[in-house]
Protein backbone atom coordinates (compact mmCIF):
# COMPACT_ATOMS: atom_id res chain seq x y z
CA MET A 1 55.93 157.05 -122.47
CA ALA A 2 57.29 158.22 -119.13
CA LEU A 3 55.63 157.12 -115.92
CA SER A 4 54.03 159.70 -113.67
CA LYS A 5 55.41 160.17 -110.19
CA ASN A 6 52.47 158.31 -108.63
CA ASP A 7 52.81 155.39 -111.06
CA ARG A 8 56.51 155.10 -110.24
CA ARG A 9 55.82 155.14 -106.49
CA GLN A 10 53.11 152.49 -106.88
CA ARG A 11 55.49 150.23 -108.79
CA ILE A 12 58.07 150.53 -106.01
CA LYS A 13 55.44 149.76 -103.34
CA ASN A 14 54.22 146.70 -105.25
CA ARG A 15 57.77 145.41 -105.66
CA ILE A 16 58.39 145.70 -101.92
CA ARG A 17 55.02 144.21 -100.91
CA LYS A 18 55.74 141.07 -102.96
CA ILE A 19 58.59 140.41 -100.54
CA VAL A 20 57.52 141.96 -97.21
CA SER A 21 54.48 140.54 -95.44
CA GLY A 22 53.34 140.50 -91.83
CA THR A 23 51.86 137.75 -89.68
CA ALA A 24 50.25 137.77 -86.25
CA SER A 25 53.52 136.81 -84.55
CA GLN A 26 55.70 139.06 -86.73
CA PRO A 27 53.60 141.94 -88.10
CA ARG A 28 54.69 144.45 -90.71
CA LEU A 29 55.57 147.95 -89.50
CA ALA A 30 54.19 150.13 -92.30
CA VAL A 31 55.36 153.74 -92.48
CA PHE A 32 53.58 156.61 -94.21
CA ARG A 33 55.22 160.00 -94.43
CA SER A 34 53.44 163.13 -95.55
CA ASN A 35 55.01 166.57 -95.80
CA LYS A 36 53.86 167.47 -92.30
CA GLU A 37 53.10 164.26 -90.39
CA ILE A 38 54.39 160.68 -90.07
CA TYR A 39 52.33 157.57 -89.36
CA ALA A 40 53.27 154.00 -88.39
CA GLN A 41 51.10 150.94 -87.98
CA LEU A 42 51.62 147.27 -87.24
CA VAL A 43 49.69 145.17 -89.74
CA ASP A 44 48.88 141.45 -89.80
CA ASP A 45 48.58 140.85 -93.55
CA VAL A 46 47.22 137.32 -93.15
CA THR A 47 43.99 138.51 -91.54
CA GLY A 48 44.18 142.12 -92.77
CA VAL A 49 44.07 143.61 -89.28
CA THR A 50 45.94 146.59 -87.86
CA ILE A 51 47.36 145.53 -84.49
CA SER A 52 48.41 148.98 -83.32
CA ALA A 53 49.20 152.38 -84.75
CA ALA A 54 50.88 155.64 -83.80
CA SER A 55 51.29 158.96 -85.53
CA SER A 56 52.62 162.44 -85.01
CA ARG A 57 48.98 163.54 -84.63
CA ASP A 58 48.48 161.57 -81.38
CA LYS A 59 47.77 163.82 -78.42
CA ASP A 60 50.88 162.95 -76.43
CA ILE A 61 53.17 163.41 -79.45
CA SER A 62 51.56 166.46 -81.09
CA SER A 63 52.13 168.48 -77.92
CA ALA A 64 55.88 167.73 -78.09
CA THR A 65 58.17 170.33 -79.57
CA GLY A 66 61.16 169.68 -81.78
CA SER A 67 62.09 169.00 -85.34
CA LYS A 68 60.18 166.58 -87.54
CA ILE A 69 63.02 164.06 -87.14
CA GLU A 70 62.72 164.21 -83.34
CA ILE A 71 58.94 163.79 -83.59
CA ALA A 72 59.45 160.74 -85.84
CA THR A 73 61.65 159.19 -83.14
CA LEU A 74 58.83 159.70 -80.63
CA VAL A 75 56.37 158.01 -83.02
CA GLY A 76 58.72 155.02 -83.29
CA GLN A 77 58.94 154.76 -79.52
CA SER A 78 55.16 155.11 -79.17
CA VAL A 79 54.39 152.35 -81.67
CA THR A 80 56.89 150.13 -79.85
CA VAL A 81 55.16 150.65 -76.50
CA LYS A 82 51.82 149.76 -78.08
CA ALA A 83 53.35 146.72 -79.79
CA LEU A 84 54.89 145.43 -76.57
CA ASN A 85 51.50 145.84 -74.85
CA ALA A 86 50.04 143.67 -77.62
CA SER A 87 52.82 141.11 -76.91
CA VAL A 88 54.68 141.74 -80.18
CA ASP A 89 58.44 142.14 -80.01
CA THR A 90 59.62 141.13 -83.52
CA ILE A 91 58.49 142.84 -86.72
CA THR A 92 59.26 143.15 -90.39
CA TYR A 93 59.95 146.72 -91.49
CA ASP A 94 58.19 148.23 -94.50
CA ASN A 95 59.22 151.78 -95.33
CA GLY A 96 57.00 151.71 -98.41
CA ASP A 97 58.50 153.61 -101.29
CA TYR A 98 60.41 156.02 -99.04
CA LEU A 99 64.17 155.98 -98.82
CA TYR A 100 65.63 154.82 -95.49
CA HIS A 101 66.76 158.33 -94.64
CA GLY A 102 65.66 161.25 -92.49
CA ARG A 103 62.32 160.85 -90.74
CA VAL A 104 61.78 157.27 -91.92
CA LYS A 105 65.18 156.24 -90.54
CA SER A 106 64.54 158.17 -87.33
CA LEU A 107 61.24 156.35 -86.76
CA ALA A 108 62.92 152.97 -87.24
CA GLU A 109 65.79 153.83 -84.90
CA GLY A 110 63.32 155.07 -82.26
CA ALA A 111 61.48 151.76 -82.47
CA ARG A 112 64.72 149.79 -82.17
CA GLU A 113 65.88 151.82 -79.15
CA ALA A 114 62.56 151.21 -77.42
CA GLY A 115 62.87 147.45 -77.83
CA LEU A 116 61.45 146.21 -81.16
CA LYS A 117 63.49 143.66 -83.06
CA PHE A 118 63.63 143.95 -86.85
């Protein structure tokens, strides 16, 4: 029996989450990409707390114009600014079940340019 698309994606996520985990000193940068928006959050998996988050729906980013890839770069830079304010400069990157390509890659590169260390 063939797996559905959602079952396949869940298997990939579970495989990655067995390896990637965040702590208070080195949280996990989790990325979610929908067809229209992109979201990023820094998660401490030990306590189950979101340290900071940014998305393309934030007021300062949603008013920006440009392609979805350019908006993803702004989201990466925004989450970096919030992380540095929370005294976090090193993270582990979790792109979920998405390929490291396009908007997901652009978000990561924006975060690196702004000063986060992966």
